[in-house]
Structures are given as C-alpha cells and as structure tokens.
Amino acid sequence: AYLVAASDPIVGAQKGAGHLLVAVNANDIAC
C-alpha cells in the first residue's frame, strides 16, 4: 500500500470546528 498524508488547519469556523478539521483532512486522503 501507499502512504497518503495530508495536513490542514481550520481558520474560519467556530461552531463545529473539530468536525470540520477531521472532514477536510480526511477528504484529502480520499481524493
């Protein structure tokens, strides 16, 4: 298997920022 790595911050949202942090980073792996 290949190792896929991604890193992103959350800078705009307040509510639900933790959920967004997981989503945007997981999306990059899925792509």
PDB file of all heavy atoms in Angstrom:
ATOM      1  N   ALA A   1       0.838  -1.209   0.000  1.00  0.00           N
ATOM      2  CA  ALA A   1       0.000   0.000   0.000  1.00  0.00           C
ATOM      3  C   ALA A   1       0.868   1.252   0.000  1.00  0.00           C
ATOM      4  O   ALA A   1       2.024   1.227   0.425  1.00  0.00           O
ATOM      5  CB  ALA A   1      -0.920   0.011   1.213  1.00  0.00           C
ATOM      6  N   TYR A   2       0.301   2.355  -0.508  1.00  0.00           N
ATOM      7  CA  TYR A   2       0.970   3.650  -0.470  1.00  0.00           C
ATOM      8  C   TYR A   2       0.555   4.394   0.808  1.00  0.00           C
ATOM      9  O   TYR A   2      -0.595   4.307   1.237  1.00  0.00           O
ATOM     10  CB  TYR A   2       0.575   4.507  -1.667  1.00  0.00           C
ATOM     11  CG  TYR A   2       0.937   3.928  -3.005  1.00  0.00           C
ATOM     12  CD1 TYR A   2      -0.020   3.276  -3.784  1.00  0.00           C
ATOM     13  CD2 TYR A   2       2.233   4.028  -3.499  1.00  0.00           C
ATOM     14  CE1 TYR A   2       0.289   2.745  -5.020  1.00  0.00           C
ATOM     15  CE2 TYR A   2       2.558   3.498  -4.739  1.00  0.00           C
ATOM     16  CZ  TYR A   2       1.585   2.858  -5.493  1.00  0.00           C
ATOM     17  OH  TYR A   2       1.911   2.329  -6.719  1.00  0.00           O
ATOM     18  N   LEU A   3       1.494   5.127   1.384  1.00  0.00           N
ATOM     19  CA  LEU A   3       1.172   6.021   2.492  1.00  0.00           C
ATOM     20  C   LEU A   3       0.660   7.333   1.918  1.00  0.00           C
ATOM     21  O   LEU A   3       1.305   7.928   1.056  1.00  0.00           O
ATOM     22  CB  LEU A   3       2.408   6.284   3.355  1.00  0.00           C
ATOM     23  CG  LEU A   3       2.267   7.366   4.434  1.00  0.00           C
ATOM     24  CD1 LEU A   3       1.256   6.933   5.492  1.00  0.00           C
ATOM     25  CD2 LEU A   3       3.616   7.666   5.079  1.00  0.00           C
ATOM     26  N   VAL A   4      -0.501   7.791   2.381  1.00  0.00           N
ATOM     27  CA  VAL A   4      -1.076   9.068   1.959  1.00  0.00           C
ATOM     28  C   VAL A   4      -1.125   9.977   3.180  1.00  0.00           C
ATOM     29  O   VAL A   4      -1.617   9.571   4.238  1.00  0.00           O
ATOM     30  CB  VAL A   4      -2.495   8.895   1.377  1.00  0.00           C
ATOM     31  CG1 VAL A   4      -2.963  10.199   0.738  1.00  0.00           C
ATOM     32  CG2 VAL A   4      -2.535   7.764   0.364  1.00  0.00           C
ATOM     33  N   ALA A   5      -0.614  11.184   3.050  1.00  0.00           N
ATOM     34  CA  ALA A   5      -0.545  12.116   4.180  1.00  0.00           C
ATOM     35  C   ALA A   5      -1.088  13.473   3.762  1.00  0.00           C
ATOM     36  O   ALA A   5      -0.846  13.939   2.635  1.00  0.00           O
ATOM     37  CB  ALA A   5       0.896  12.256   4.668  1.00  0.00           C
ATOM     38  N   ALA A   6      -1.831  14.122   4.661  1.00  0.00           N
ATOM     39  CA  ALA A   6      -2.378  15.446   4.386  1.00  0.00           C
ATOM     40  C   ALA A   6      -2.466  16.228   5.683  1.00  0.00           C
ATOM     41  O   ALA A   6      -2.667  15.651   6.751  1.00  0.00           O
ATOM     42  CB  ALA A   6      -3.765  15.338   3.749  1.00  0.00           C
ATOM     43  N   SER A   7      -2.324  17.551   5.580  1.00  0.00           N
ATOM     44  CA  SER A   7      -2.404  18.401   6.769  1.00  0.00           C
ATOM     45  C   SER A   7      -3.105  19.698   6.426  1.00  0.00           C
ATOM     46  O   SER A   7      -2.771  20.349   5.431  1.00  0.00           O
ATOM     47  CB  SER A   7      -0.996  18.696   7.317  1.00  0.00           C
ATOM     48  OG  SER A   7      -1.075  19.437   8.508  1.00  0.00           O
ATOM     49  N   ASP A   8      -4.099  20.068   7.244  1.00  0.00           N
ATOM     50  CA  ASP A   8      -4.866  21.292   7.036  1.00  0.00           C
ATOM     51  C   ASP A   8      -5.300  21.866   8.382  1.00  0.00           C
ATOM     52  O   ASP A   8      -5.555  21.114   9.327  1.00  0.00           O
ATOM     53  CB  ASP A   8      -6.117  21.026   6.200  1.00  0.00           C
ATOM     54  CG  ASP A   8      -5.910  21.300   4.724  1.00  0.00           C
ATOM     55  OD1 ASP A   8      -5.241  22.300   4.400  1.00  0.00           O
ATOM     56  OD2 ASP A   8      -6.416  20.519   3.897  1.00  0.00           O
ATOM     57  N   PRO A   9      -5.421  23.199   8.459  1.00  0.00           N
ATOM     58  CA  PRO A   9      -5.977  23.844   9.655  1.00  0.00           C
ATOM     59  C   PRO A   9      -7.442  24.198   9.428  1.00  0.00           C
ATOM     60  O   PRO A   9      -7.963  24.083   8.309  1.00  0.00           O
ATOM     61  CB  PRO A   9      -5.142  25.117   9.761  1.00  0.00           C
ATOM     62  CG  PRO A   9      -4.940  25.492   8.312  1.00  0.00           C
ATOM     63  CD  PRO A   9      -4.848  24.192   7.537  1.00  0.00           C
ATOM     64  N   ILE A  10      -8.107  24.642  10.469  1.00  0.00           N
ATOM     65  CA  ILE A  10      -9.417  25.300  10.355  1.00  0.00           C
ATOM     66  C   ILE A  10      -9.225  26.717  10.880  1.00  0.00           C
ATOM     67  O   ILE A  10      -8.812  26.905  12.021  1.00  0.00           O
ATOM     68  CB  ILE A  10     -10.500  24.576  11.159  1.00  0.00           C
ATOM     69  CG1 ILE A  10     -10.759  23.190  10.570  1.00  0.00           C
ATOM     70  CG2 ILE A  10     -11.789  25.391  11.190  1.00  0.00           C
ATOM     71  CD1 ILE A  10     -11.308  23.200   9.154  1.00  0.00           C
ATOM     72  N   VAL A  11      -9.518  27.696  10.031  1.00  0.00           N
ATOM     73  CA  VAL A  11      -9.264  29.087  10.422  1.00  0.00           C
ATOM     74  C   VAL A  11     -10.512  29.957  10.383  1.00  0.00           C
ATOM     75  O   VAL A  11     -10.513  31.044  10.950  1.00  0.00           O
ATOM     76  CB  VAL A  11      -8.168  29.719   9.530  1.00  0.00           C
ATOM     77  CG1 VAL A  11      -6.846  29.025   9.749  1.00  0.00           C
ATOM     78  CG2 VAL A  11      -8.550  29.656   8.052  1.00  0.00           C
ATOM     79  N   GLY A  12     -11.593  29.513   9.727  1.00  0.00           N
ATOM     80  CA  GLY A  12     -12.753  30.381   9.580  1.00  0.00           C
ATOM     81  C   GLY A  12     -13.906  30.063  10.497  1.00  0.00           C
ATOM     82  O   GLY A  12     -14.609  30.958  10.954  1.00  0.00           O
ATOM     83  N   ALA A  13     -14.115  28.795  10.797  1.00  0.00           N
ATOM     84  CA  ALA A  13     -15.302  28.386  11.541  1.00  0.00           C
ATOM     85  C   ALA A  13     -15.055  28.392  13.038  1.00  0.00           C
ATOM     86  O   ALA A  13     -13.937  28.191  13.501  1.00  0.00           O
ATOM     87  CB  ALA A  13     -15.733  26.993  11.098  1.00  0.00           C
ATOM     88  N   GLN A  14     -16.137  28.591  13.800  1.00  0.00           N
ATOM     89  CA  GLN A  14     -16.102  28.478  15.256  1.00  0.00           C
ATOM     90  C   GLN A  14     -16.886  27.239  15.681  1.00  0.00           C
ATOM     91  O   GLN A  14     -16.317  26.291  16.184  1.00  0.00           O
ATOM     92  CB  GLN A  14     -16.684  29.740  15.902  1.00  0.00           C
ATOM     93  CG  GLN A  14     -15.891  30.995  15.587  1.00  0.00           C
ATOM     94  CD  GLN A  14     -14.474  30.943  16.107  1.00  0.00           C
ATOM     95  OE1 GLN A  14     -14.239  30.462  17.204  1.00  0.00           O
ATOM     96  NE2 GLN A  14     -13.526  31.436  15.337  1.00  0.00           N
ATOM     97  N   LYS A  15     -18.184  27.254  15.451  1.00  0.00           N
ATOM     98  CA  LYS A  15     -19.001  26.102  15.803  1.00  0.00           C
ATOM     99  C   LYS A  15     -18.675  24.925  14.892  1.00  0.00           C
ATOM    100  O   LYS A  15     -18.569  25.069  13.681  1.00  0.00           O
ATOM    101  CB  LYS A  15     -20.492  26.448  15.690  1.00  0.00           C
ATOM    102  CG  LYS A  15     -20.965  27.456  16.729  1.00  0.00           C
ATOM    103  CD  LYS A  15     -22.459  27.690  16.638  1.00  0.00           C
ATOM    104  CE  LYS A  15     -22.921  28.673  17.713  1.00  0.00           C
ATOM    105  NZ  LYS A  15     -24.376  28.945  17.631  1.00  0.00           N
ATOM    106  N   GLY A  16     -18.507  23.769  15.502  1.00  0.00           N
ATOM    107  CA  GLY A  16     -18.236  22.573  14.710  1.00  0.00           C
ATOM    108  C   GLY A  16     -16.849  22.517  14.120  1.00  0.00           C
ATOM    109  O   GLY A  16     -16.594  21.741  13.193  1.00  0.00           O
ATOM    110  N   ALA A  17     -15.905  23.323  14.645  1.00  0.00           N
ATOM    111  CA  ALA A  17     -14.563  23.373  14.070  1.00  0.00           C
ATOM    112  C   ALA A  17     -13.855  22.020  14.159  1.00  0.00           C
ATOM    113  O   ALA A  17     -13.085  21.657  13.268  1.00  0.00           O
ATOM    114  CB  ALA A  17     -13.733  24.450  14.765  1.00  0.00           C
ATOM    115  N   GLY A  18     -14.099  21.275  15.234  1.00  0.00           N
ATOM    116  CA  GLY A  18     -13.474  19.965  15.368  1.00  0.00           C
ATOM    117  C   GLY A  18     -13.946  18.997  14.305  1.00  0.00           C
ATOM    118  O   GLY A  18     -13.149  18.242  13.725  1.00  0.00           O
ATOM    119  N   HIS A  19     -15.248  19.015  14.027  1.00  0.00           N
ATOM    120  CA  HIS A  19     -15.784  18.158  12.970  1.00  0.00           C
ATOM    121  C   HIS A  19     -15.197  18.547  11.610  1.00  0.00           C
ATOM    122  O   HIS A  19     -14.835  17.684  10.802  1.00  0.00           O
ATOM    123  CB  HIS A  19     -17.313  18.285  12.919  1.00  0.00           C
ATOM    124  CG  HIS A  19     -18.010  17.753  14.126  1.00  0.00           C
ATOM    125  ND1 HIS A  19     -17.867  16.452  14.557  1.00  0.00           N
ATOM    126  CD2 HIS A  19     -18.876  18.350  15.003  1.00  0.00           C
ATOM    127  CE1 HIS A  19     -18.609  16.260  15.638  1.00  0.00           C
ATOM    128  NE2 HIS A  19     -19.220  17.402  15.938  1.00  0.00           N
ATOM    129  N   LEU A  20     -15.110  19.861  11.364  1.00  0.00           N
ATOM    130  CA  LEU A  20     -14.547  20.324  10.092  1.00  0.00           C
ATOM    131  C   LEU A  20     -13.091  19.914   9.938  1.00  0.00           C
ATOM    132  O   LEU A  20     -12.649  19.551   8.843  1.00  0.00           O
ATOM    133  CB  LEU A  20     -14.661  21.860   9.997  1.00  0.00           C
ATOM    134  CG  LEU A  20     -16.041  22.432   9.658  1.00  0.00           C
ATOM    135  CD1 LEU A  20     -16.016  23.941   9.793  1.00  0.00           C
ATOM    136  CD2 LEU A  20     -16.439  22.040   8.248  1.00  0.00           C
ATOM    137  N   LEU A  21     -12.336  19.975  11.035  1.00  0.00           N
ATOM    138  CA  LEU A  21     -10.919  19.613  10.974  1.00  0.00           C
ATOM    139  C   LEU A  21     -10.743  18.189  10.489  1.00  0.00           C
ATOM    140  O   LEU A  21      -9.880  17.910   9.646  1.00  0.00           O
ATOM    141  CB  LEU A  21     -10.281  19.783  12.353  1.00  0.00           C
ATOM    142  CG  LEU A  21      -8.761  19.574  12.403  1.00  0.00           C
ATOM    143  CD1 LEU A  21      -8.041  20.716  11.706  1.00  0.00           C
ATOM    144  CD2 LEU A  21      -8.285  19.445  13.847  1.00  0.00           C
ATOM    145  N   VAL A  22     -11.547  17.284  11.008  1.00  0.00           N
ATOM    146  CA  VAL A  22     -11.469  15.891  10.568  1.00  0.00           C
ATOM    147  C   VAL A  22     -11.900  15.766   9.112  1.00  0.00           C
ATOM    148  O   VAL A  22     -11.242  15.105   8.307  1.00  0.00           O
ATOM    149  CB  VAL A  22     -12.333  14.983  11.459  1.00  0.00           C
ATOM    150  CG1 VAL A  22     -12.331  13.549  10.939  1.00  0.00           C
ATOM    151  CG2 VAL A  22     -11.828  15.012  12.893  1.00  0.00           C
ATOM    152  N   ALA A  23     -12.999  16.425   8.748  1.00  0.00           N
ATOM    153  CA  ALA A  23     -13.556  16.284   7.403  1.00  0.00           C
ATOM    154  C   ALA A  23     -12.586  16.739   6.321  1.00  0.00           C
ATOM    155  O   ALA A  23     -12.355  16.024   5.342  1.00  0.00           O
ATOM    156  CB  ALA A  23     -14.869  17.062   7.294  1.00  0.00           C
ATOM    157  N   VAL A  24     -11.995  17.939   6.484  1.00  0.00           N
ATOM    158  CA  VAL A  24     -11.146  18.459   5.410  1.00  0.00           C
ATOM    159  C   VAL A  24      -9.874  17.632   5.249  1.00  0.00           C
ATOM    160  O   VAL A  24      -9.382  17.439   4.120  1.00  0.00           O
ATOM    161  CB  VAL A  24     -10.793  19.945   5.622  1.00  0.00           C
ATOM    162  CG1 VAL A  24     -12.053  20.798   5.615  1.00  0.00           C
ATOM    163  CG2 VAL A  24     -10.000  20.172   6.892  1.00  0.00           C
ATOM    164  N   ASN A  25      -9.343  17.114   6.346  1.00  0.00           N
ATOM    165  CA  ASN A  25      -8.139  16.297   6.248  1.00  0.00           C
ATOM    166  C   ASN A  25      -8.450  14.910   5.698  1.00  0.00           C
ATOM    167  O   ASN A  25      -7.695  14.369   4.876  1.00  0.00           O
ATOM    168  CB  ASN A  25      -7.463  16.201   7.616  1.00  0.00           C
ATOM    169  CG  ASN A  25      -6.657  17.440   7.948  1.00  0.00           C
ATOM    170  OD1 ASN A  25      -5.535  17.619   7.468  1.00  0.00           O
ATOM    171  ND2 ASN A  25      -7.214  18.319   8.761  1.00  0.00           N
ATOM    172  N   ALA A  26      -9.567  14.316   6.126  1.00  0.00           N
ATOM    173  CA  ALA A  26      -9.959  13.011   5.602  1.00  0.00           C
ATOM    174  C   ALA A  26     -10.292  13.099   4.120  1.00  0.00           C
ATOM    175  O   ALA A  26      -9.989  12.179   3.344  1.00  0.00           O
ATOM    176  CB  ALA A  26     -11.150  12.472   6.386  1.00  0.00           C
ATOM    177  N   ASN A  27     -10.899  14.210   3.698  1.00  0.00           N
ATOM    178  CA  ASN A  27     -11.232  14.383   2.281  1.00  0.00           C
ATOM    179  C   ASN A  27      -9.991  14.353   1.399  1.00  0.00           C
ATOM    180  O   ASN A  27     -10.010  13.815   0.290  1.00  0.00           O
ATOM    181  CB  ASN A  27     -11.978  15.696   2.076  1.00  0.00           C
ATOM    182  CG  ASN A  27     -13.417  15.631   2.553  1.00  0.00           C
ATOM    183  OD1 ASN A  27     -13.919  14.579   2.912  1.00  0.00           O
ATOM    184  ND2 ASN A  27     -14.088  16.768   2.565  1.00  0.00           N
ATOM    185  N   ASP A  28      -8.908  14.958   1.884  1.00  0.00           N
ATOM    186  CA  ASP A  28      -7.679  14.972   1.088  1.00  0.00           C
ATOM    187  C   ASP A  28      -7.133  13.563   0.884  1.00  0.00           C
ATOM    188  O   ASP A  28      -6.587  13.241  -0.173  1.00  0.00           O
ATOM    189  CB  ASP A  28      -6.624  15.855   1.764  1.00  0.00           C
ATOM    190  CG  ASP A  28      -6.943  17.337   1.646  1.00  0.00           C
ATOM    191  OD1 ASP A  28      -7.771  17.695   0.790  1.00  0.00           O
ATOM    192  OD2 ASP A  28      -6.355  18.130   2.396  1.00  0.00           O
ATOM    193  N   ILE A  29      -7.258  12.710   1.895  1.00  0.00           N
ATOM    194  CA  ILE A  29      -6.822  11.322   1.754  1.00  0.00           C
ATOM    195  C   ILE A  29      -7.713  10.600   0.744  1.00  0.00           C
ATOM    196  O   ILE A  29      -7.236   9.866  -0.127  1.00  0.00           O
ATOM    197  CB  ILE A  29      -6.863  10.593   3.112  1.00  0.00           C
ATOM    198  CG1 ILE A  29      -5.978  11.308   4.138  1.00  0.00           C
ATOM    199  CG2 ILE A  29      -6.444   9.131   2.949  1.00  0.00           C
ATOM    200  CD1 ILE A  29      -4.517  11.378   3.801  1.00  0.00           C
ATOM    201  N   ALA A  30      -9.026  10.817   0.856  1.00  0.00           N
ATOM    202  CA  ALA A  30      -9.975  10.170  -0.056  1.00  0.00           C
ATOM    203  C   ALA A  30      -9.737  10.565  -1.499  1.00  0.00           C
ATOM    204  O   ALA A  30      -9.927   9.765  -2.415  1.00  0.00           O
ATOM    205  CB  ALA A  30     -11.406  10.524   0.360  1.00  0.00           C
ATOM    206  N   CYS A  31      -9.292  11.810  -1.722  1.00  0.00           N
ATOM    207  CA  CYS A  31      -9.047  12.285  -3.085  1.00  0.00           C
ATOM    208  C   CYS A  31      -7.836  11.608  -3.732  1.00  0.00           C
ATOM    209  O   CYS A  31      -7.643  11.720  -4.941  1.00  0.00           O
ATOM    210  CB  CYS A  31      -8.878  13.801  -3.099  1.00  0.00           C
ATOM    211  SG  CYS A  31     -10.437  14.690  -2.910  1.00  0.00           S
TER     212      CYS A  31
END
